[in-house]
Amino acid sequence: MDRDGTLIEEKEYLSDPEHVAPFAGAAEALLSLQTAGFMLIVVSNQSGVGRGFFTMKEVERVHERMTQWFSRNGVSFERIYVAPEAPGQASRGRKPSPQFLLDARDEFGLDLHASYIIGDKLSDLECGWNAGVKKCILVRTGYGRKLEQENPDRLAAAVIADDLPAAAKWILDAP
């Protein structure tokens, strides 16, 4: 899943751990997926590093704060993959590249055809489509609502959910 706008509130170039704000219901939603046997893996573009706005150390501190908060609520992430490059810079894993999903497949033995991606941007969905995941889910949090309004034709193959709890419910109820 994506980080900003999906798990935590979008804070445009978040670099201060004090500003990490998980969405209401996010921990419960993730815990329900984890309990059902899903591995929780985060894939995040952090172009602020490539643009010189902040460092990877600051990204790591944000992740530490986020993972501590979620772990207090019983949730653990298998891995957080980060693409620090700005758009236009050479990047191995910057979404919509599926590389980090392919890495997770190899590292954790995941079946991508039985996996889901949840995000608030087209690049999140394209990452999933490029990797061949079972279904890509757009949440209306973060940039999702705007994307849905401005590009409905590009979302025909996606599931659209109000937020992470609704996305988790859809996954758990899916055939």
N, C-alpha and C. Protein backbone atom coordinates (compact mmCIF):
# COMPACT_ATOMS: atom_id res chain seq x y z
N MET A 1 0.83 -1.18 0.00
CA MET A 1 0.00 0.00 0.00
C MET A 1 0.87 1.24 0.00
N ASP A 2 0.24 2.34 -0.37
CA ASP A 2 0.89 3.63 -0.36
C ASP A 2 0.92 4.17 1.07
N ARG A 3 1.73 5.18 1.33
CA ARG A 3 1.84 5.78 2.65
C ARG A 3 1.00 7.05 2.77
N ASP A 4 1.47 8.13 2.16
CA ASP A 4 0.82 9.43 2.30
C ASP A 4 -0.51 9.47 1.56
N GLY A 5 -1.55 9.89 2.27
CA GLY A 5 -2.87 9.95 1.67
C GLY A 5 -3.62 8.64 1.70
N THR A 6 -2.96 7.59 2.16
CA THR A 6 -3.58 6.26 2.24
C THR A 6 -3.58 5.77 3.69
N LEU A 7 -2.39 5.64 4.26
CA LEU A 7 -2.25 5.23 5.67
C LEU A 7 -2.31 6.43 6.61
N ILE A 8 -1.62 7.47 6.20
CA ILE A 8 -1.52 8.68 7.02
C ILE A 8 -1.95 9.88 6.19
N GLU A 9 -2.33 10.94 6.87
CA GLU A 9 -2.79 12.14 6.19
C GLU A 9 -1.70 12.70 5.28
N GLU A 10 -2.13 13.17 4.12
CA GLU A 10 -1.23 13.82 3.18
C GLU A 10 -0.77 15.15 3.77
N LYS A 11 0.54 15.32 3.91
CA LYS A 11 1.11 16.55 4.49
C LYS A 11 2.15 17.14 3.56
N GLU A 12 1.97 17.04 2.27
CA GLU A 12 2.89 17.59 1.27
C GLU A 12 4.33 17.68 1.74
N TYR A 13 5.13 16.73 1.34
CA TYR A 13 6.56 16.65 1.69
C TYR A 13 6.76 16.50 3.19
N LEU A 14 6.13 15.50 3.75
CA LEU A 14 6.22 15.22 5.19
C LEU A 14 7.65 14.83 5.56
N SER A 15 8.25 15.57 6.47
CA SER A 15 9.59 15.25 6.94
C SER A 15 9.70 15.29 8.45
N ASP A 16 8.69 15.78 9.13
CA ASP A 16 8.71 15.91 10.59
C ASP A 16 7.86 14.81 11.20
N PRO A 17 8.46 13.91 11.97
CA PRO A 17 7.71 12.82 12.57
C PRO A 17 6.54 13.30 13.44
N GLU A 18 6.65 14.50 13.98
CA GLU A 18 5.57 15.04 14.82
C GLU A 18 4.29 15.28 14.02
N HIS A 19 4.40 15.33 12.70
CA HIS A 19 3.24 15.60 11.86
C HIS A 19 2.60 14.34 11.29
N VAL A 20 3.09 13.17 11.69
CA VAL A 20 2.49 11.92 11.24
C VAL A 20 1.10 11.80 11.87
N ALA A 21 0.09 11.67 11.02
CA ALA A 21 -1.30 11.58 11.49
C ALA A 21 -2.01 10.44 10.76
N PRO A 22 -2.05 9.26 11.38
CA PRO A 22 -2.76 8.13 10.76
C PRO A 22 -4.25 8.45 10.61
N PHE A 23 -4.83 7.95 9.55
CA PHE A 23 -6.27 8.14 9.33
C PHE A 23 -7.06 7.36 10.38
N ALA A 24 -8.19 7.90 10.74
CA ALA A 24 -9.11 7.22 11.65
C ALA A 24 -9.47 5.86 11.06
N GLY A 25 -9.41 4.85 11.89
CA GLY A 25 -9.77 3.51 11.46
C GLY A 25 -8.68 2.76 10.72
N ALA A 26 -7.55 3.42 10.45
CA ALA A 26 -6.48 2.77 9.68
C ALA A 26 -5.90 1.57 10.43
N ALA A 27 -5.64 1.72 11.71
CA ALA A 27 -5.04 0.62 12.47
C ALA A 27 -5.97 -0.59 12.50
N GLU A 28 -7.24 -0.35 12.76
CA GLU A 28 -8.20 -1.46 12.81
C GLU A 28 -8.32 -2.15 11.45
N ALA A 29 -8.32 -1.35 10.38
CA ALA A 29 -8.40 -1.92 9.04
C ALA A 29 -7.19 -2.79 8.73
N LEU A 30 -6.00 -2.28 9.05
CA LEU A 30 -4.79 -3.04 8.79
C LEU A 30 -4.72 -4.29 9.66
N LEU A 31 -5.15 -4.17 10.89
CA LEU A 31 -5.15 -5.32 11.79
C LEU A 31 -6.09 -6.40 11.26
N SER A 32 -7.22 -6.00 10.70
CA SER A 32 -8.14 -7.00 10.15
C SER A 32 -7.51 -7.72 8.95
N LEU A 33 -6.78 -6.99 8.12
CA LEU A 33 -6.09 -7.63 6.99
C LEU A 33 -4.98 -8.54 7.48
N GLN A 34 -4.21 -8.05 8.44
CA GLN A 34 -3.11 -8.84 9.00
C GLN A 34 -3.64 -10.12 9.64
N THR A 35 -4.72 -10.02 10.37
CA THR A 35 -5.33 -11.18 11.03
C THR A 35 -5.82 -12.19 10.00
N ALA A 36 -6.27 -11.70 8.85
CA ALA A 36 -6.74 -12.58 7.78
C ALA A 36 -5.59 -13.22 7.00
N GLY A 37 -4.34 -12.86 7.35
CA GLY A 37 -3.18 -13.50 6.72
C GLY A 37 -2.46 -12.66 5.69
N PHE A 38 -2.87 -11.43 5.49
CA PHE A 38 -2.18 -10.57 4.53
C PHE A 38 -0.92 -9.98 5.14
N MET A 39 0.14 -9.95 4.34
CA MET A 39 1.35 -9.22 4.72
C MET A 39 1.12 -7.76 4.37
N LEU A 40 1.58 -6.89 5.24
CA LEU A 40 1.42 -5.46 5.02
C LEU A 40 2.75 -4.86 4.58
N ILE A 41 2.77 -4.37 3.36
CA ILE A 41 3.99 -3.82 2.77
C ILE A 41 3.66 -2.43 2.23
N VAL A 42 4.52 -1.48 2.56
CA VAL A 42 4.34 -0.10 2.13
C VAL A 42 5.32 0.19 1.00
N VAL A 43 4.82 0.86 -0.05
CA VAL A 43 5.64 1.31 -1.16
C VAL A 43 5.38 2.80 -1.30
N SER A 44 6.44 3.60 -1.14
CA SER A 44 6.25 5.04 -1.07
C SER A 44 7.25 5.80 -1.93
N ASN A 45 6.74 6.69 -2.77
CA ASN A 45 7.59 7.65 -3.46
C ASN A 45 7.83 8.81 -2.50
N GLN A 46 9.08 9.18 -2.32
CA GLN A 46 9.43 10.31 -1.44
C GLN A 46 10.31 11.27 -2.23
N SER A 47 9.70 11.94 -3.20
CA SER A 47 10.46 12.81 -4.09
C SER A 47 11.06 14.01 -3.38
N GLY A 48 10.61 14.31 -2.17
CA GLY A 48 11.21 15.41 -1.41
C GLY A 48 12.70 15.21 -1.18
N VAL A 49 13.13 13.94 -1.12
CA VAL A 49 14.56 13.65 -0.97
C VAL A 49 15.28 14.07 -2.25
N GLY A 50 14.80 13.60 -3.38
CA GLY A 50 15.43 13.92 -4.66
C GLY A 50 15.37 15.40 -5.00
N ARG A 51 14.39 16.08 -4.47
CA ARG A 51 14.26 17.52 -4.71
C ARG A 51 15.08 18.35 -3.72
N GLY A 52 15.69 17.66 -2.73
CA GLY A 52 16.52 18.35 -1.76
C GLY A 52 15.74 19.01 -0.63
N PHE A 53 14.47 18.64 -0.45
CA PHE A 53 13.64 19.23 0.60
C PHE A 53 13.94 18.61 1.97
N PHE A 54 14.31 17.34 1.98
CA PHE A 54 14.66 16.65 3.22
C PHE A 54 15.52 15.44 2.89
N THR A 55 16.01 14.77 3.92
CA THR A 55 16.95 13.65 3.75
C THR A 55 16.27 12.30 3.97
N MET A 56 16.95 11.25 3.58
CA MET A 56 16.46 9.90 3.86
C MET A 56 16.39 9.66 5.36
N LYS A 57 17.27 10.27 6.11
CA LYS A 57 17.23 10.12 7.56
C LYS A 57 15.90 10.66 8.11
N GLU A 58 15.44 11.78 7.55
CA GLU A 58 14.16 12.32 7.98
C GLU A 58 13.00 11.40 7.57
N VAL A 59 13.09 10.81 6.39
CA VAL A 59 12.08 9.84 5.95
C VAL A 59 12.06 8.66 6.93
N GLU A 60 13.23 8.18 7.31
CA GLU A 60 13.32 7.06 8.25
C GLU A 60 12.71 7.41 9.60
N ARG A 61 12.90 8.65 10.06
CA ARG A 61 12.30 9.07 11.33
C ARG A 61 10.77 9.12 11.23
N VAL A 62 10.27 9.56 10.09
CA VAL A 62 8.82 9.55 9.87
C VAL A 62 8.31 8.11 9.90
N HIS A 63 9.02 7.21 9.25
CA HIS A 63 8.61 5.80 9.23
C HIS A 63 8.68 5.19 10.62
N GLU A 64 9.70 5.55 11.36
CA GLU A 64 9.81 5.05 12.72
C GLU A 64 8.61 5.48 13.56
N ARG A 65 8.23 6.74 13.45
CA ARG A 65 7.07 7.24 14.19
C ARG A 65 5.79 6.53 13.74
N MET A 66 5.65 6.38 12.43
CA MET A 66 4.46 5.72 11.89
C MET A 66 4.38 4.26 12.34
N THR A 67 5.49 3.53 12.22
CA THR A 67 5.47 2.12 12.60
C THR A 67 5.27 1.94 14.10
N GLN A 68 5.81 2.84 14.90
CA GLN A 68 5.58 2.77 16.35
C GLN A 68 4.10 2.94 16.66
N TRP A 69 3.48 3.93 16.02
CA TRP A 69 2.06 4.17 16.26
C TRP A 69 1.24 2.96 15.88
N PHE A 70 1.48 2.42 14.69
CA PHE A 70 0.71 1.26 14.25
C PHE A 70 1.01 0.03 15.11
N SER A 71 2.26 -0.15 15.52
CA SER A 71 2.58 -1.33 16.34
C SER A 71 1.90 -1.27 17.71
N ARG A 72 1.72 -0.08 18.25
CA ARG A 72 0.97 0.05 19.51
C ARG A 72 -0.47 -0.42 19.34
N ASN A 73 -0.92 -0.43 18.11
CA ASN A 73 -2.27 -0.89 17.79
C ASN A 73 -2.29 -2.29 17.19
N GLY A 74 -1.18 -3.03 17.36
CA GLY A 74 -1.11 -4.42 16.95
C GLY A 74 -0.75 -4.67 15.49
N VAL A 75 -0.39 -3.62 14.76
CA VAL A 75 -0.11 -3.75 13.33
C VAL A 75 1.39 -3.72 13.08
N SER A 76 1.85 -4.62 12.22
CA SER A 76 3.26 -4.59 11.85
C SER A 76 3.39 -4.65 10.33
N PHE A 77 4.35 -3.90 9.83
CA PHE A 77 4.63 -3.88 8.40
C PHE A 77 5.82 -4.79 8.14
N GLU A 78 5.70 -5.62 7.11
CA GLU A 78 6.81 -6.51 6.75
C GLU A 78 7.99 -5.69 6.25
N ARG A 79 7.67 -4.65 5.48
CA ARG A 79 8.74 -3.86 4.88
C ARG A 79 8.17 -2.55 4.37
N ILE A 80 9.00 -1.52 4.38
CA ILE A 80 8.65 -0.24 3.76
C ILE A 80 9.70 0.02 2.68
N TYR A 81 9.25 0.05 1.44
CA TYR A 81 10.12 0.36 0.30
C TYR A 81 9.96 1.84 -0.02
N VAL A 82 11.09 2.51 -0.26
CA VAL A 82 11.06 3.94 -0.53
C VAL A 82 11.84 4.25 -1.81
N ALA A 83 11.21 5.03 -2.67
CA ALA A 83 11.87 5.58 -3.86
C ALA A 83 12.12 7.06 -3.57
N PRO A 84 13.37 7.46 -3.32
CA PRO A 84 13.65 8.84 -2.95
C PRO A 84 13.84 9.80 -4.13
N GLU A 85 13.77 9.28 -5.34
CA GLU A 85 14.06 10.11 -6.50
C GLU A 85 12.89 11.03 -6.84
N ALA A 86 13.24 12.18 -7.40
CA ALA A 86 12.23 13.11 -7.91
C ALA A 86 11.76 12.63 -9.28
N PRO A 87 10.59 13.06 -9.72
CA PRO A 87 10.16 12.71 -11.07
C PRO A 87 11.22 13.14 -12.09
N GLY A 88 11.46 12.28 -13.04
CA GLY A 88 12.45 12.58 -14.06
C GLY A 88 13.84 12.09 -13.73
N GLN A 89 14.11 11.78 -12.47
CA GLN A 89 15.41 11.20 -12.10
C GLN A 89 15.35 9.69 -12.33
N ALA A 90 16.47 9.12 -12.69
CA ALA A 90 16.53 7.67 -12.86
C ALA A 90 16.16 7.01 -11.53
N SER A 91 15.27 6.02 -11.61
CA SER A 91 14.80 5.36 -10.40
C SER A 91 14.46 3.91 -10.68
N ARG A 92 14.88 3.06 -9.81
CA ARG A 92 14.59 1.64 -9.92
C ARG A 92 13.15 1.35 -9.48
N GLY A 93 12.68 2.05 -8.46
CA GLY A 93 11.42 1.65 -7.86
C GLY A 93 10.33 2.71 -7.81
N ARG A 94 10.58 3.89 -8.32
CA ARG A 94 9.57 4.95 -8.23
C ARG A 94 8.29 4.52 -8.95
N LYS A 95 7.18 4.55 -8.22
CA LYS A 95 5.89 4.21 -8.83
C LYS A 95 5.61 5.18 -9.97
N PRO A 96 5.15 4.69 -11.09
CA PRO A 96 4.40 3.46 -11.30
C PRO A 96 5.22 2.20 -11.59
N SER A 97 6.54 2.27 -11.44
CA SER A 97 7.35 1.07 -11.61
C SER A 97 6.87 -0.02 -10.65
N PRO A 98 6.75 -1.25 -11.12
CA PRO A 98 6.35 -2.34 -10.24
C PRO A 98 7.52 -2.96 -9.48
N GLN A 99 8.70 -2.39 -9.59
CA GLN A 99 9.91 -3.04 -9.09
C GLN A 99 9.82 -3.42 -7.62
N PHE A 100 9.32 -2.54 -6.77
CA PHE A 100 9.27 -2.87 -5.34
C PHE A 100 8.26 -3.98 -5.07
N LEU A 101 7.21 -4.07 -5.85
CA LEU A 101 6.27 -5.19 -5.69
C LEU A 101 6.93 -6.49 -6.13
N LEU A 102 7.72 -6.42 -7.19
CA LEU A 102 8.47 -7.60 -7.64
C LEU A 102 9.51 -8.00 -6.60
N ASP A 103 10.15 -7.00 -5.98
CA ASP A 103 11.12 -7.28 -4.92
C ASP A 103 10.42 -7.96 -3.74
N ALA A 104 9.24 -7.45 -3.36
CA ALA A 104 8.48 -8.03 -2.25
C ALA A 104 8.06 -9.46 -2.58
N ARG A 105 7.68 -9.68 -3.82
CA ARG A 105 7.34 -11.04 -4.26
C ARG A 105 8.51 -11.98 -4.02
N ASP A 106 9.70 -11.54 -4.44
CA ASP A 106 10.88 -12.38 -4.31
C ASP A 106 11.33 -12.52 -2.85
N GLU A 107 11.26 -11.44 -2.10
CA GLU A 107 11.72 -11.44 -0.72
C GLU A 107 10.80 -12.22 0.21
N PHE A 108 9.49 -12.13 -0.02
CA PHE A 108 8.53 -12.73 0.91
C PHE A 108 7.75 -13.89 0.30
N GLY A 109 8.03 -14.23 -0.95
CA GLY A 109 7.32 -15.33 -1.59
C GLY A 109 5.85 -15.00 -1.86
N LEU A 110 5.57 -13.75 -2.15
CA LEU A 110 4.20 -13.32 -2.38
C LEU A 110 3.69 -13.79 -3.74
N ASP A 111 2.41 -14.08 -3.78
CA ASP A 111 1.73 -14.33 -5.04
C ASP A 111 1.06 -13.01 -5.42
N LEU A 112 1.64 -12.29 -6.36
CA LEU A 112 1.10 -10.98 -6.72
C LEU A 112 -0.30 -11.09 -7.31
N HIS A 113 -0.62 -12.22 -7.93
CA HIS A 113 -1.95 -12.40 -8.50
C HIS A 113 -3.01 -12.58 -7.40
N ALA A 114 -2.58 -12.76 -6.17
CA ALA A 114 -3.50 -12.86 -5.03
C ALA A 114 -3.32 -11.66 -4.08
N SER A 115 -2.63 -10.64 -4.58
CA SER A 115 -2.31 -9.47 -3.76
C SER A 115 -3.09 -8.25 -4.23
N TYR A 116 -3.13 -7.25 -3.37
CA TYR A 116 -3.86 -6.01 -3.65
C TYR A 116 -2.92 -4.84 -3.42
N ILE A 117 -3.21 -3.73 -4.10
CA ILE A 117 -2.52 -2.48 -3.80
C ILE A 117 -3.59 -1.44 -3.49
N ILE A 118 -3.29 -0.63 -2.49
CA ILE A 118 -4.21 0.43 -2.07
C ILE A 118 -3.44 1.74 -2.13
N GLY A 119 -4.02 2.74 -2.80
CA GLY A 119 -3.36 4.03 -2.88
C GLY A 119 -4.32 5.13 -3.25
N ASP A 120 -3.80 6.35 -3.26
CA ASP A 120 -4.62 7.53 -3.55
C ASP A 120 -4.21 8.25 -4.84
N LYS A 121 -3.28 7.68 -5.57
CA LYS A 121 -2.80 8.31 -6.81
C LYS A 121 -2.82 7.29 -7.94
N LEU A 122 -2.88 7.81 -9.16
CA LEU A 122 -2.85 6.94 -10.33
C LEU A 122 -1.56 6.13 -10.37
N SER A 123 -0.44 6.71 -9.96
CA SER A 123 0.83 5.97 -9.98
C SER A 123 0.78 4.75 -9.06
N ASP A 124 0.01 4.81 -7.97
CA ASP A 124 -0.14 3.65 -7.09
C ASP A 124 -0.86 2.53 -7.83
N LEU A 125 -1.95 2.89 -8.50
CA LEU A 125 -2.73 1.90 -9.23
C LEU A 125 -1.92 1.33 -10.39
N GLU A 126 -1.24 2.20 -11.12
CA GLU A 126 -0.42 1.75 -12.25
C GLU A 126 0.68 0.81 -11.78
N CYS A 127 1.23 1.05 -10.62
CA CYS A 127 2.24 0.16 -10.04
C CYS A 127 1.64 -1.24 -9.88
N GLY A 128 0.46 -1.30 -9.33
CA GLY A 128 -0.21 -2.58 -9.16
C GLY A 128 -0.55 -3.25 -10.48
N TRP A 129 -1.10 -2.46 -11.41
CA TRP A 129 -1.42 -3.03 -12.73
C TRP A 129 -0.16 -3.54 -13.40
N ASN A 130 0.93 -2.78 -13.31
CA ASN A 130 2.20 -3.19 -13.93
C ASN A 130 2.76 -4.47 -13.31
N ALA A 131 2.44 -4.72 -12.04
CA ALA A 131 2.93 -5.91 -11.35
C ALA A 131 1.98 -7.10 -11.48
N GLY A 132 0.78 -6.85 -11.99
CA GLY A 132 -0.20 -7.93 -12.15
C GLY A 132 -0.90 -8.33 -10.87
N VAL A 133 -1.12 -7.38 -9.96
CA VAL A 133 -1.83 -7.73 -8.72
C VAL A 133 -3.29 -8.05 -9.02
N LYS A 134 -3.93 -8.70 -8.08
CA LYS A 134 -5.31 -9.12 -8.25
C LYS A 134 -6.25 -7.94 -8.47
N LYS A 135 -6.10 -6.89 -7.64
CA LYS A 135 -6.95 -5.72 -7.78
C LYS A 135 -6.26 -4.51 -7.19
N CYS A 136 -6.47 -3.37 -7.83
CA CYS A 136 -5.95 -2.08 -7.37
C CYS A 136 -7.12 -1.29 -6.80
N ILE A 137 -6.90 -0.72 -5.62
CA ILE A 137 -7.96 0.00 -4.93
C ILE A 137 -7.54 1.45 -4.72
N LEU A 138 -8.37 2.35 -5.22
CA LEU A 138 -8.17 3.78 -5.01
C LEU A 138 -8.99 4.20 -3.80
N VAL A 139 -8.32 4.85 -2.84
CA VAL A 139 -9.05 5.43 -1.71
C VAL A 139 -9.29 6.91 -2.00
N ARG A 140 -10.42 7.40 -1.52
CA ARG A 140 -10.79 8.79 -1.76
C ARG A 140 -10.13 9.75 -0.78
N THR A 141 -9.24 9.25 0.04
CA THR A 141 -8.47 10.10 0.94
C THR A 141 -7.28 10.66 0.17
N GLY A 142 -6.51 11.54 0.78
CA GLY A 142 -5.36 12.10 0.08
C GLY A 142 -5.78 12.76 -1.21
N TYR A 143 -5.15 12.34 -2.32
CA TYR A 143 -5.47 12.88 -3.64
C TYR A 143 -6.53 12.06 -4.37
N GLY A 144 -7.03 11.00 -3.74
CA GLY A 144 -7.93 10.07 -4.41
C GLY A 144 -9.22 10.67 -4.92
N ARG A 145 -9.88 11.48 -4.11
CA ARG A 145 -11.15 12.07 -4.53
C ARG A 145 -10.96 12.96 -5.77
N LYS A 146 -9.90 13.75 -5.77
CA LYS A 146 -9.60 14.62 -6.91
C LYS A 146 -9.31 13.78 -8.16
N LEU A 147 -8.53 12.72 -8.01
CA LEU A 147 -8.23 11.84 -9.13
C LEU A 147 -9.51 11.24 -9.69
N GLU A 148 -10.39 10.79 -8.82
CA GLU A 148 -11.65 10.19 -9.26
C GLU A 148 -12.49 11.20 -10.05
N GLN A 149 -12.52 12.44 -9.61
CA GLN A 149 -13.32 13.46 -10.29
C GLN A 149 -12.71 13.88 -11.62
N GLU A 150 -11.38 13.95 -11.68
CA GLU A 150 -10.72 14.46 -12.87
C GLU A 150 -10.39 13.41 -13.92
N ASN A 151 -10.28 12.15 -13.51
CA ASN A 151 -9.88 11.08 -14.44
C ASN A 151 -10.70 9.81 -14.29
N PRO A 152 -12.02 9.92 -14.28
CA PRO A 152 -12.82 8.70 -14.04
C PRO A 152 -12.58 7.61 -15.08
N ASP A 153 -12.28 8.00 -16.31
CA ASP A 153 -12.05 7.03 -17.37
C ASP A 153 -10.82 6.17 -17.13
N ARG A 154 -9.85 6.69 -16.41
CA ARG A 154 -8.60 5.94 -16.15
C ARG A 154 -8.76 4.95 -15.01
N LEU A 155 -9.91 4.99 -14.33
CA LEU A 155 -10.10 4.17 -13.14
C LEU A 155 -11.03 2.98 -13.36
N ALA A 156 -11.38 2.70 -14.59
CA ALA A 156 -12.35 1.65 -14.89
C ALA A 156 -11.95 0.29 -14.29
N ALA A 157 -10.68 -0.01 -14.26
CA ALA A 157 -10.23 -1.31 -13.76
C ALA A 157 -9.97 -1.32 -12.26
N ALA A 158 -10.17 -0.17 -11.61
CA ALA A 158 -9.89 -0.08 -10.17
C ALA A 158 -11.17 -0.20 -9.35
N VAL A 159 -10.99 -0.60 -8.11
CA VAL A 159 -12.05 -0.51 -7.12
C VAL A 159 -11.87 0.84 -6.44
N ILE A 160 -12.96 1.52 -6.16
CA ILE A 160 -12.86 2.81 -5.48
C ILE A 160 -13.54 2.68 -4.12
N ALA A 161 -12.80 3.07 -3.08
CA ALA A 161 -13.29 2.97 -1.71
C ALA A 161 -13.13 4.32 -1.02
N ASP A 162 -13.99 4.60 -0.08
CA ASP A 162 -13.92 5.89 0.61
C ASP A 162 -12.61 6.08 1.35
N ASP A 163 -12.11 5.02 1.97
CA ASP A 163 -10.92 5.14 2.82
C ASP A 163 -10.32 3.76 3.04
N LEU A 164 -9.29 3.70 3.86
CA LEU A 164 -8.61 2.42 4.11
C LEU A 164 -9.53 1.38 4.76
N PRO A 165 -10.33 1.76 5.76
CA PRO A 165 -11.26 0.76 6.30
C PRO A 165 -12.21 0.18 5.25
N ALA A 166 -12.72 1.01 4.36
CA ALA A 166 -13.61 0.52 3.30
C ALA A 166 -12.85 -0.38 2.32
N ALA A 167 -11.60 -0.04 2.03
CA ALA A 167 -10.78 -0.87 1.16
C ALA A 167 -10.52 -2.23 1.79
N ALA A 168 -10.19 -2.23 3.08
CA ALA A 168 -9.94 -3.49 3.78
C ALA A 168 -11.19 -4.36 3.80
N LYS A 169 -12.33 -3.74 4.05
CA LYS A 169 -13.60 -4.49 4.05
C LYS A 169 -13.84 -5.11 2.67
N TRP A 170 -13.59 -4.33 1.61
CA TRP A 170 -13.79 -4.84 0.26
C TRP A 170 -12.90 -6.06 0.03
N ILE A 171 -11.62 -5.95 0.43
CA ILE A 171 -10.70 -7.07 0.25
C ILE A 171 -11.17 -8.30 1.01
N LEU A 172 -11.57 -8.11 2.24
CA LEU A 172 -11.99 -9.24 3.07
C LEU A 172 -13.29 -9.87 2.58
N ASP A 173 -14.13 -9.09 1.92
CA ASP A 173 -15.38 -9.60 1.39
C ASP A 173 -15.27 -10.11 -0.05
N ALA A 174 -14.12 -9.87 -0.69
CA ALA A 174 -13.93 -10.24 -2.10
C ALA A 174 -13.94 -11.76 -2.26
N PRO A 175 -14.48 -12.20 -3.40
CA PRO A 175 -14.51 -13.67 -3.63
C PRO A 175 -13.13 -14.24 -3.83
